[in-house]
PDB file of N, CA and C in Angstrom:
ATOM      1  N   MET A   1       0.847  -1.184   0.000  1.00  0.00           N
ATOM      2  CA  MET A   1       0.000   0.000   0.000  1.00  0.00           C
ATOM      3  C   MET A   1       0.887   1.240   0.000  1.00  0.00           C
ATOM      4  N   GLN A   2       0.571   2.142  -0.862  1.00  0.00           N
ATOM      5  CA  GLN A   2       1.337   3.374  -0.988  1.00  0.00           C
ATOM      6  C   GLN A   2       0.951   4.345   0.128  1.00  0.00           C
ATOM      7  N   ASN A   3       1.950   5.050   0.663  1.00  0.00           N
ATOM      8  CA  ASN A   3       1.670   6.030   1.724  1.00  0.00           C
ATOM      9  C   ASN A   3       0.791   7.149   1.181  1.00  0.00           C
ATOM     10  N   GLN A   4      -0.237   7.454   1.921  1.00  0.00           N
ATOM     11  CA  GLN A   4      -1.138   8.543   1.568  1.00  0.00           C
ATOM     12  C   GLN A   4      -0.960   9.652   2.596  1.00  0.00           C
ATOM     13  N   TYR A   5      -0.570  10.806   2.138  1.00  0.00           N
ATOM     14  CA  TYR A   5      -0.389  11.940   3.031  1.00  0.00           C
ATOM     15  C   TYR A   5      -1.540  12.918   2.849  1.00  0.00           C
ATOM     16  N   PHE A   6      -1.898  13.555   3.927  1.00  0.00           N
ATOM     17  CA  PHE A   6      -2.872  14.634   3.863  1.00  0.00           C
ATOM     18  C   PHE A   6      -2.120  15.926   3.623  1.00  0.00           C
ATOM     19  N   THR A   7      -2.634  16.737   2.737  1.00  0.00           N
ATOM     20  CA  THR A   7      -2.000  18.020   2.469  1.00  0.00           C
ATOM     21  C   THR A   7      -2.835  19.137   3.085  1.00  0.00           C
ATOM     22  N   VAL A   8      -2.222  20.291   3.233  1.00  0.00           N
ATOM     23  CA  VAL A   8      -2.931  21.459   3.757  1.00  0.00           C
ATOM     24  C   VAL A   8      -4.099  21.803   2.836  1.00  0.00           C
ATOM     25  N   GLN A   9      -3.875  21.729   1.531  1.00  0.00           N
ATOM     26  CA  GLN A   9      -4.926  22.057   0.569  1.00  0.00           C
ATOM     27  C   GLN A   9      -6.119  21.110   0.709  1.00  0.00           C
ATOM     28  N   GLU A  10      -5.854  19.809   0.892  1.00  0.00           N
ATOM     29  CA  GLU A  10      -6.948  18.853   1.052  1.00  0.00           C
ATOM     30  C   GLU A  10      -7.736  19.135   2.324  1.00  0.00           C
ATOM     31  N   ASN A  11      -7.029  19.434   3.382  1.00  0.00           N
ATOM     32  CA  ASN A  11      -7.698  19.745   4.641  1.00  0.00           C
ATOM     33  C   ASN A  11      -8.545  21.007   4.510  1.00  0.00           C
ATOM     34  N   TYR A  12      -8.025  22.020   3.853  1.00  0.00           N
ATOM     35  CA  TYR A  12      -8.749  23.275   3.694  1.00  0.00           C
ATOM     36  C   TYR A  12     -10.030  23.072   2.878  1.00  0.00           C
ATOM     37  N   LYS A  13      -9.984  22.217   1.864  1.00  0.00           N
ATOM     38  CA  LYS A  13     -11.159  21.954   1.030  1.00  0.00           C
ATOM     39  C   LYS A  13     -12.289  21.303   1.820  1.00  0.00           C
ATOM     40  N   GLU A  14     -11.964  20.616   2.883  1.00  0.00           N
ATOM     41  CA  GLU A  14     -12.965  19.903   3.660  1.00  0.00           C
ATOM     42  C   GLU A  14     -13.549  20.731   4.803  1.00  0.00           C
ATOM     43  N   ARG A  15     -13.100  21.947   4.958  1.00  0.00           N
ATOM     44  CA  ARG A  15     -13.652  22.811   6.004  1.00  0.00           C
ATOM     45  C   ARG A  15     -14.950  23.419   5.505  1.00  0.00           C
ATOM     46  N   PHE A  16     -15.875  23.680   6.422  1.00  0.00           N
ATOM     47  CA  PHE A  16     -17.150  24.250   6.029  1.00  0.00           C
ATOM     48  C   PHE A  16     -17.740  25.047   7.182  1.00  0.00           C
ATOM     49  N   TYR A  17     -18.673  25.915   6.844  1.00  0.00           N
ATOM     50  CA  TYR A  17     -19.400  26.683   7.844  1.00  0.00           C
ATOM     51  C   TYR A  17     -20.646  25.901   8.242  1.00  0.00           C
ATOM     52  N   GLN A  18     -21.063  26.055   9.481  1.00  0.00           N
ATOM     53  CA  GLN A  18     -22.261  25.375   9.964  1.00  0.00           C
ATOM     54  C   GLN A  18     -23.359  26.401  10.243  1.00  0.00           C
ATOM     55  N   ILE A  19     -24.529  26.106   9.748  1.00  0.00           N
ATOM     56  CA  ILE A  19     -25.696  26.955  10.001  1.00  0.00           C
ATOM     57  C   ILE A  19     -26.700  26.135  10.804  1.00  0.00           C
ATOM     58  N   PRO A  20     -27.128  26.633  11.953  1.00  0.00           N
ATOM     59  CA  PRO A  20     -28.093  25.879  12.758  1.00  0.00           C
ATOM     60  C   PRO A  20     -29.406  25.632  12.000  1.00  0.00           C
ATOM     61  N   LYS A  21     -29.897  24.416  12.042  1.00  0.00           N
ATOM     62  CA  LYS A  21     -31.163  24.077  11.379  1.00  0.00           C
ATOM     63  C   LYS A  21     -32.322  24.901  11.916  1.00  0.00           C
ATOM     64  N   VAL A  22     -32.254  25.250  13.189  1.00  0.00           N
ATOM     65  CA  VAL A  22     -33.338  26.007  13.814  1.00  0.00           C
ATOM     66  C   VAL A  22     -33.571  27.344  13.099  1.00  0.00           C
ATOM     67  N   PHE A  23     -32.546  27.870  12.420  1.00  0.00           N
ATOM     68  CA  PHE A  23     -32.717  29.115  11.668  1.00  0.00           C
ATOM     69  C   PHE A  23     -33.780  28.959  10.579  1.00  0.00           C
ATOM     70  N   PHE A  24     -33.996  27.740  10.110  1.00  0.00           N
ATOM     71  CA  PHE A  24     -34.931  27.494   9.019  1.00  0.00           C
ATOM     72  C   PHE A  24     -36.254  26.883   9.480  1.00  0.00           C
ATOM     73  N   THR A  25     -36.306  26.472  10.737  1.00  0.00           N
ATOM     74  CA  THR A  25     -37.497  25.760  11.209  1.00  0.00           C
ATOM     75  C   THR A  25     -38.258  26.475  12.318  1.00  0.00           C
ATOM     76  N   SER A  26     -37.663  27.453  12.947  1.00  0.00           N
ATOM     77  CA  SER A  26     -38.289  28.109  14.088  1.00  0.00           C
ATOM     78  C   SER A  26     -38.793  29.502  13.725  1.00  0.00           C
ATOM     79  N   GLU A  27     -39.954  29.819  14.236  1.00  0.00           N
ATOM     80  CA  GLU A  27     -40.521  31.160  14.058  1.00  0.00           C
ATOM     81  C   GLU A  27     -39.627  32.230  14.681  1.00  0.00           C
ATOM     82  N   ASN A  28     -38.831  31.853  15.672  1.00  0.00           N
ATOM     83  CA  ASN A  28     -37.954  32.811  16.345  1.00  0.00           C
ATOM     84  C   ASN A  28     -36.914  33.421  15.408  1.00  0.00           C
ATOM     85  N   TYR A  29     -36.636  32.751  14.303  1.00  0.00           N
ATOM     86  CA  TYR A  29     -35.592  33.216  13.396  1.00  0.00           C
ATOM     87  C   TYR A  29     -36.130  33.590  12.016  1.00  0.00           C
ATOM     88  N   LYS A  30     -37.446  33.697  11.880  1.00  0.00           N
ATOM     89  CA  LYS A  30     -38.024  33.958  10.564  1.00  0.00           C
ATOM     90  C   LYS A  30     -37.623  35.323   9.995  1.00  0.00           C
ATOM     91  N   ASN A  31     -37.245  36.257  10.855  1.00  0.00           N
ATOM     92  CA  ASN A  31     -36.856  37.582  10.378  1.00  0.00           C
ATOM     93  C   ASN A  31     -35.407  37.654   9.908  1.00  0.00           C
ATOM     94  N   LEU A  32     -34.638  36.590  10.118  1.00  0.00           N
ATOM     95  CA  LEU A  32     -33.261  36.579   9.625  1.00  0.00           C
ATOM     96  C   LEU A  32     -33.268  36.308   8.125  1.00  0.00           C
ATOM     97  N   THR A  33     -32.570  37.141   7.379  1.00  0.00           N
ATOM     98  CA  THR A  33     -32.428  36.873   5.951  1.00  0.00           C
ATOM     99  C   THR A  33     -31.397  35.760   5.769  1.00  0.00           C
ATOM    100  N   ASN A  34     -31.377  35.170   4.594  1.00  0.00           N
ATOM    101  CA  ASN A  34     -30.370  34.140   4.327  1.00  0.00           C
ATOM    102  C   ASN A  34     -28.962  34.711   4.441  1.00  0.00           C
ATOM    103  N   ASP A  35     -28.789  35.964   4.037  1.00  0.00           N
ATOM    104  CA  ASP A  35     -27.475  36.605   4.179  1.00  0.00           C
ATOM    105  C   ASP A  35     -27.075  36.707   5.646  1.00  0.00           C
ATOM    106  N   MET A  36     -28.026  37.010   6.500  1.00  0.00           N
ATOM    107  CA  MET A  36     -27.737  37.085   7.937  1.00  0.00           C
ATOM    108  C   MET A  36     -27.374  35.713   8.490  1.00  0.00           C
ATOM    109  N   LYS A  37     -28.044  34.686   8.022  1.00  0.00           N
ATOM    110  CA  LYS A  37     -27.751  33.322   8.469  1.00  0.00           C
ATOM    111  C   LYS A  37     -26.339  32.907   8.063  1.00  0.00           C
ATOM    112  N   ILE A  38     -25.960  33.248   6.840  1.00  0.00           N
ATOM    113  CA  ILE A  38     -24.612  32.917   6.371  1.00  0.00           C
ATOM    114  C   ILE A  38     -23.575  33.727   7.137  1.00  0.00           C
ATOM    115  N   ALA A  39     -23.844  35.010   7.351  1.00  0.00           N
ATOM    116  CA  ALA A  39     -22.910  35.846   8.112  1.00  0.00           C
ATOM    117  C   ALA A  39     -22.744  35.309   9.527  1.00  0.00           C
ATOM    118  N   TYR A  40     -23.833  34.873  10.137  1.00  0.00           N
ATOM    119  CA  TYR A  40     -23.762  34.275  11.472  1.00  0.00           C
ATOM    120  C   TYR A  40     -22.816  33.079  11.455  1.00  0.00           C
ATOM    121  N   ALA A  41     -22.960  32.211  10.461  1.00  0.00           N
ATOM    122  CA  ALA A  41     -22.112  31.015  10.374  1.00  0.00           C
ATOM    123  C   ALA A  41     -20.640  31.388  10.220  1.00  0.00           C
ATOM    124  N   ILE A  42     -20.366  32.407   9.431  1.00  0.00           N
ATOM    125  CA  ILE A  42     -18.986  32.861   9.231  1.00  0.00           C
ATOM    126  C   ILE A  42     -18.421  33.411  10.536  1.00  0.00           C
ATOM    127  N   LEU A  43     -19.197  34.227  11.223  1.00  0.00           N
ATOM    128  CA  LEU A  43     -18.742  34.786  12.496  1.00  0.00           C
ATOM    129  C   LEU A  43     -18.599  33.702  13.556  1.00  0.00           C
ATOM    130  N   ARG A  44     -19.548  32.803  13.602  1.00  0.00           N
ATOM    131  CA  ARG A  44     -19.511  31.716  14.593  1.00  0.00           C
ATOM    132  C   ARG A  44     -18.271  30.848  14.411  1.00  0.00           C
ATOM    133  N   ASP A  45     -17.816  30.747  13.171  1.00  0.00           N
ATOM    134  CA  ASP A  45     -16.608  29.986  12.864  1.00  0.00           C
ATOM    135  C   ASP A  45     -15.382  30.606  13.531  1.00  0.00           C
ATOM    136  N   ARG A  46     -15.473  31.881  13.835  1.00  0.00           N
ATOM    137  CA  ARG A  46     -14.369  32.600  14.479  1.00  0.00           C
ATOM    138  C   ARG A  46     -14.362  32.463  15.998  1.00  0.00           C
ATOM    139  N   LEU A  47     -15.311  31.748  16.561  1.00  0.00           N
ATOM    140  CA  LEU A  47     -15.446  31.666  18.016  1.00  0.00           C
ATOM    141  C   LEU A  47     -14.153  31.240  18.702  1.00  0.00           C
ATOM    142  N   ASN A  48     -13.537  30.171  18.237  1.00  0.00           N
ATOM    143  CA  ASN A  48     -12.314  29.690  18.886  1.00  0.00           C
ATOM    144  C   ASN A  48     -11.184  30.701  18.798  1.00  0.00           C
ATOM    145  N   LEU A  49     -11.086  31.398  17.666  1.00  0.00           N
ATOM    146  CA  LEU A  49     -10.064  32.438  17.536  1.00  0.00           C
ATOM    147  C   LEU A  49     -10.337  33.566  18.525  1.00  0.00           C
ATOM    148  N   SER A  50     -11.590  33.936  18.688  1.00  0.00           N
ATOM    149  CA  SER A  50     -11.951  34.986  19.644  1.00  0.00           C
ATOM    150  C   SER A  50     -11.580  34.585  21.065  1.00  0.00           C
ATOM    151  N   ILE A  51     -11.859  33.336  21.414  1.00  0.00           N
ATOM    152  CA  ILE A  51     -11.520  32.850  22.757  1.00  0.00           C
ATOM    153  C   ILE A  51     -10.009  32.821  22.938  1.00  0.00           C
ATOM    154  N   LYS A  52      -9.299  32.308  21.943  1.00  0.00           N
ATOM    155  CA  LYS A  52      -7.835  32.225  22.008  1.00  0.00           C
ATOM    156  C   LYS A  52      -7.207  33.605  22.213  1.00  0.00           C
ATOM    157  N   ASN A  53      -7.765  34.608  21.544  1.00  0.00           N
ATOM    158  CA  ASN A  53      -7.229  35.968  21.630  1.00  0.00           C
ATOM    159  C   ASN A  53      -7.839  36.783  22.763  1.00  0.00           C
ATOM    160  N   ASN A  54      -8.694  36.139  23.567  1.00  0.00           N
ATOM    161  CA  ASN A  54      -9.338  36.801  24.699  1.00  0.00           C
ATOM    162  C   ASN A  54     -10.150  38.024  24.267  1.00  0.00           C
ATOM    163  N   TRP A  55     -10.871  37.876  23.153  1.00  0.00           N
ATOM    164  CA  TRP A  55     -11.737  38.945  22.684  1.00  0.00           C
ATOM    165  C   TRP A  55     -13.063  38.838  23.422  1.00  0.00           C
ATOM    166  N   VAL A  56     -13.037  39.285  24.653  1.00  0.00           N
ATOM    167  CA  VAL A  56     -14.175  39.180  25.555  1.00  0.00           C
ATOM    168  C   VAL A  56     -14.367  40.536  26.222  1.00  0.00           C
ATOM    169  N   ASP A  57     -15.623  40.962  26.343  1.00  0.00           N
ATOM    170  CA  ASP A  57     -15.859  42.241  27.004  1.00  0.00           C
ATOM    171  C   ASP A  57     -15.875  42.064  28.523  1.00  0.00           C
ATOM    172  N   GLU A  58     -16.126  43.153  29.230  1.00  0.00           N
ATOM    173  CA  GLU A  58     -16.067  43.139  30.696  1.00  0.00           C
ATOM    174  C   GLU A  58     -17.122  42.230  31.334  1.00  0.00           C
ATOM    175  N   ASP A  59     -18.168  41.882  30.571  1.00  0.00           N
ATOM    176  CA  ASP A  59     -19.216  40.998  31.086  1.00  0.00           C
ATOM    177  C   ASP A  59     -19.017  39.538  30.672  1.00  0.00           C
ATOM    178  N   GLY A  60     -17.911  39.265  29.998  1.00  0.00           N
ATOM    179  CA  GLY A  60     -17.632  37.896  29.570  1.00  0.00           C
ATOM    180  C   GLY A  60     -18.249  37.515  28.236  1.00  0.00           C
ATOM    181  N   ASN A  61     -18.824  38.476  27.529  1.00  0.00           N
ATOM    182  CA  ASN A  61     -19.406  38.209  26.214  1.00  0.00           C
ATOM    183  C   ASN A  61     -18.311  38.196  25.155  1.00  0.00           C
ATOM    184  N   ILE A  62     -18.323  37.185  24.323  1.00  0.00           N
ATOM    185  CA  ILE A  62     -17.320  37.051  23.266  1.00  0.00           C
ATOM    186  C   ILE A  62     -17.706  37.952  22.102  1.00  0.00           C
ATOM    187  N   TYR A  63     -16.715  38.618  21.533  1.00  0.00           N
ATOM    188  CA  TYR A  63     -16.974  39.374  20.313  1.00  0.00           C
ATOM    189  C   TYR A  63     -16.030  38.908  19.223  1.00  0.00           C
ATOM    190  N   PHE A  64     -16.362  39.282  17.990  1.00  0.00           N
ATOM    191  CA  PHE A  64     -15.635  38.822  16.822  1.00  0.00           C
ATOM    192  C   PHE A  64     -14.989  40.010  16.135  1.00  0.00           C
ATOM    193  N   VAL A  65     -13.742  39.867  15.770  1.00  0.00           N
ATOM    194  CA  VAL A  65     -13.038  40.915  15.047  1.00  0.00           C
ATOM    195  C   VAL A  65     -12.966  40.492  13.583  1.00  0.00           C
ATOM    196  N   TYR A  66     -13.625  41.247  12.756  1.00  0.00           N
ATOM    197  CA  TYR A  66     -13.654  40.979  11.321  1.00  0.00           C
ATOM    198  C   TYR A  66     -13.742  42.330  10.634  1.00  0.00           C
ATOM    199  N   SER A  67     -12.891  42.604   9.677  1.00  0.00           N
ATOM    200  CA  SER A  67     -12.966  43.888   8.985  1.00  0.00           C
ATOM    201  C   SER A  67     -14.169  43.882   8.041  1.00  0.00           C
ATOM    202  N   ASN A  68     -14.736  45.056   7.837  1.00  0.00           N
ATOM    203  CA  ASN A  68     -15.838  45.174   6.885  1.00  0.00           C
ATOM    204  C   ASN A  68     -15.403  44.705   5.504  1.00  0.00           C
ATOM    205  N   GLU A  69     -14.187  45.046   5.132  1.00  0.00           N
ATOM    206  CA  GLU A  69     -13.682  44.679   3.811  1.00  0.00           C
ATOM    207  C   GLU A  69     -13.662  43.161   3.631  1.00  0.00           C
ATOM    208  N   LYS A  70     -13.189  42.449   4.638  1.00  0.00           N
ATOM    209  CA  LYS A  70     -13.118  40.988   4.545  1.00  0.00           C
ATOM    210  C   LYS A  70     -14.521  40.374   4.502  1.00  0.00           C
ATOM    211  N   LEU A  71     -15.424  40.867   5.343  1.00  0.00           N
ATOM    212  CA  LEU A  71     -16.800  40.356   5.320  1.00  0.00           C
ATOM    213  C   LEU A  71     -17.483  40.657   3.987  1.00  0.00           C
ATOM    214  N   MET A  72     -17.253  41.847   3.431  1.00  0.00           N
ATOM    215  CA  MET A  72     -17.843  42.178   2.131  1.00  0.00           C
ATOM    216  C   MET A  72     -17.303  41.251   1.049  1.00  0.00           C
ATOM    217  N   GLU A  73     -16.023  40.930   1.140  1.00  0.00           N
ATOM    218  CA  GLU A  73     -15.419  40.014   0.166  1.00  0.00           C
ATOM    219  C   GLU A  73     -16.030  38.613   0.281  1.00  0.00           C
ATOM    220  N   ILE A  74     -16.121  38.100   1.499  1.00  0.00           N
ATOM    221  CA  ILE A  74     -16.649  36.750   1.712  1.00  0.00           C
ATOM    222  C   ILE A  74     -18.124  36.665   1.316  1.00  0.00           C
ATOM    223  N   LEU A  75     -18.903  37.681   1.700  1.00  0.00           N
ATOM    224  CA  LEU A  75     -20.343  37.676   1.431  1.00  0.00           C
ATOM    225  C   LEU A  75     -20.690  38.205   0.037  1.00  0.00           C
ATOM    226  N   ASN A  76     -19.675  38.707  -0.666  1.00  0.00           N
ATOM    227  CA  ASN A  76     -19.858  39.259  -2.007  1.00  0.00           C
ATOM    228  C   ASN A  76     -20.942  40.340  -2.008  1.00  0.00           C
ATOM    229  N   CYS A  77     -20.724  41.344  -1.150  1.00  0.00           N
ATOM    230  CA  CYS A  77     -21.710  42.418  -1.057  1.00  0.00           C
ATOM    231  C   CYS A  77     -21.007  43.758  -0.859  1.00  0.00           C
ATOM    232  N   LYS A  78     -21.786  44.808  -0.985  1.00  0.00           N
ATOM    233  CA  LYS A  78     -21.273  46.163  -0.780  1.00  0.00           C
ATOM    234  C   LYS A  78     -21.516  46.581   0.667  1.00  0.00           C
ATOM    235  N   LYS A  79     -20.938  47.737   1.028  1.00  0.00           N
ATOM    236  CA  LYS A  79     -20.984  48.201   2.414  1.00  0.00           C
ATOM    237  C   LYS A  79     -22.414  48.398   2.921  1.00  0.00           C
ATOM    238  N   GLU A  80     -23.298  48.923   2.077  1.00  0.00           N
ATOM    239  CA  GLU A  80     -24.678  49.177   2.503  1.00  0.00           C
ATOM    240  C   GLU A  80     -25.362  47.876   2.927  1.00  0.00           C
ATOM    241  N   LYS A  81     -25.169  46.831   2.134  1.00  0.00           N
ATOM    242  CA  LYS A  81     -25.785  45.548   2.462  1.00  0.00           C
ATOM    243  C   LYS A  81     -25.160  44.957   3.719  1.00  0.00           C
ATOM    244  N   LEU A  82     -23.838  45.068   3.857  1.00  0.00           N
ATOM    245  CA  LEU A  82     -23.176  44.552   5.051  1.00  0.00           C
ATOM    246  C   LEU A  82     -23.690  45.267   6.296  1.00  0.00           C
ATOM    247  N   THR A  83     -23.907  46.562   6.205  1.00  0.00           N
ATOM    248  CA  THR A  83     -24.440  47.321   7.338  1.00  0.00           C
ATOM    249  C   THR A  83     -25.804  46.773   7.754  1.00  0.00           C
ATOM    250  N   LYS A  84     -26.672  46.461   6.793  1.00  0.00           N
ATOM    251  CA  LYS A  84     -27.988  45.879   7.101  1.00  0.00           C
ATOM    252  C   LYS A  84     -27.842  44.510   7.757  1.00  0.00           C
ATOM    253  N   ILE A  85     -26.921  43.709   7.246  1.00  0.00           N
ATOM    254  CA  ILE A  85     -26.695  42.371   7.808  1.00  0.00           C
ATOM    255  C   ILE A  85     -26.237  42.484   9.256  1.00  0.00           C
ATOM    256  N   LYS A  86     -25.254  43.330   9.504  1.00  0.00           N
ATOM    257  CA  LYS A  86     -24.719  43.485  10.861  1.00  0.00           C
ATOM    258  C   LYS A  86     -25.777  44.027  11.818  1.00  0.00           C
ATOM    259  N   LYS A  87     -26.544  45.012  11.366  1.00  0.00           N
ATOM    260  CA  LYS A  87     -27.606  45.565  12.221  1.00  0.00           C
ATOM    261  C   LYS A  87     -28.659  44.511  12.530  1.00  0.00           C
ATOM    262  N   GLY A  88     -28.998  43.689  11.545  1.00  0.00           N
ATOM    263  CA  GLY A  88     -29.977  42.628  11.763  1.00  0.00           C
ATOM    264  C   GLY A  88     -29.491  41.607  12.780  1.00  0.00           C
ATOM    265  N   LEU A  89     -28.223  41.231  12.700  1.00  0.00           N
ATOM    266  CA  LEU A  89     -27.659  40.283  13.664  1.00  0.00           C
ATOM    267  C   LEU A  89     -27.606  40.891  15.060  1.00  0.00           C
ATOM    268  N   GLU A  90     -27.162  42.137  15.137  1.00  0.00           N
ATOM    269  CA  GLU A  90     -27.072  42.793  16.442  1.00  0.00           C
ATOM    270  C   GLU A  90     -28.461  42.960  17.063  1.00  0.00           C
ATOM    271  N   LYS A  91     -29.448  43.296  16.244  1.00  0.00           N
ATOM    272  CA  LYS A  91     -30.821  43.461  16.744  1.00  0.00           C
ATOM    273  C   LYS A  91     -31.363  42.131  17.261  1.00  0.00           C
ATOM    274  N   ARG A  92     -31.120  41.069  16.536  1.00  0.00           N
ATOM    275  CA  ARG A  92     -31.651  39.748  16.907  1.00  0.00           C
ATOM    276  C   ARG A  92     -31.081  39.264  18.230  1.00  0.00           C
ATOM    277  N   TRP A  93     -29.779  39.422  18.426  1.00  0.00           N
ATOM    278  CA  TRP A  93     -29.172  38.865  19.626  1.00  0.00           C
ATOM    279  C   TRP A  93     -29.077  39.848  20.786  1.00  0.00           C
ATOM    280  N   SER A  94     -29.189  41.118  20.535  1.00  0.00           N
ATOM    281  CA  SER A  94     -29.100  42.070  21.645  1.00  0.00           C
ATOM    282  C   SER A  94     -30.344  42.029  22.521  1.00  0.00           C
ATOM    283  N   THR A  95     -31.434  41.437  22.043  1.00  0.00           N
ATOM    284  CA  THR A  95     -32.641  41.355  22.861  1.00  0.00           C
ATOM    285  C   THR A  95     -32.519  40.280  23.935  1.00  0.00           C
ATOM    286  N   HIS A  96     -31.610  39.320  23.755  1.00  0.00           N
ATOM    287  CA  HIS A  96     -31.464  38.215  24.705  1.00  0.00           C
ATOM    288  C   HIS A  96     -30.315  38.413  25.681  1.00  0.00           C
ATOM    289  N   SER A  97     -29.314  39.132  25.271  1.00  0.00           N
ATOM    290  CA  SER A  97     -28.159  39.348  26.139  1.00  0.00           C
ATOM    291  C   SER A  97     -27.407  40.568  25.650  1.00  0.00           C
ATOM    292  N   LYS A  98     -26.393  40.911  26.374  1.00  0.00           N
ATOM    293  CA  LYS A  98     -25.581  42.067  25.999  1.00  0.00           C
ATOM    294  C   LYS A  98     -24.454  41.599  25.074  1.00  0.00           C
ATOM    295  N   THR A  99     -24.830  40.977  23.981  1.00  0.00           N
ATOM    296  CA  THR A  99     -23.850  40.431  23.050  1.00  0.00           C
ATOM    297  C   THR A  99     -23.214  41.541  22.234  1.00  0.00           C
ATOM    298  N   THR A 100     -21.929  41.487  22.104  1.00  0.00           N
ATOM    299  CA  THR A 100     -21.202  42.398  21.239  1.00  0.00           C
ATOM    300  C   THR A 100     -20.662  41.579  20.079  1.00  0.00           C
ATOM    301  N   TRP A 101     -21.210  41.799  18.910  1.00  0.00           N
ATOM    302  CA  TRP A 101     -20.794  41.004  17.761  1.00  0.00           C
ATOM    303  C   TRP A 101     -19.524  41.529  17.120  1.00  0.00           C
ATOM    304  N   PHE A 102     -19.402  42.829  17.031  1.00  0.00           N
ATOM    305  CA  PHE A 102     -18.306  43.401  16.252  1.00  0.00           C
ATOM    306  C   PHE A 102     -17.547  44.423  17.077  1.00  0.00           C
ATOM    307  N   LYS A 103     -16.249  44.456  16.896  1.00  0.00           N
ATOM    308  CA  LYS A 103     -15.413  45.487  17.514  1.00  0.00           C
ATOM    309  C   LYS A 103     -14.595  46.148  16.437  1.00  0.00           C
TER     310      LYS A 103
END
């Protein structure tokens, strides 16, 4: 049997974002646009990096550091649309806790 090595490129191809199913099945999330759901998944993917870098506010809430430029590139949108996405996410989660999504 020939040795099979895993490469960085192969590993990177197998990475993916996760979107909670409840976003599509619960009335609680019906106001989230699909763009907001995708943005949530992208930000949520940064959770471990945020924890590693101690990106936590004084109340222990984790926040995510992402430049507008990078998010616009990933989401393939302009600044106006990104602003709506971010406001929608902040509005949705700020009602439940003092979550800080962006710094």
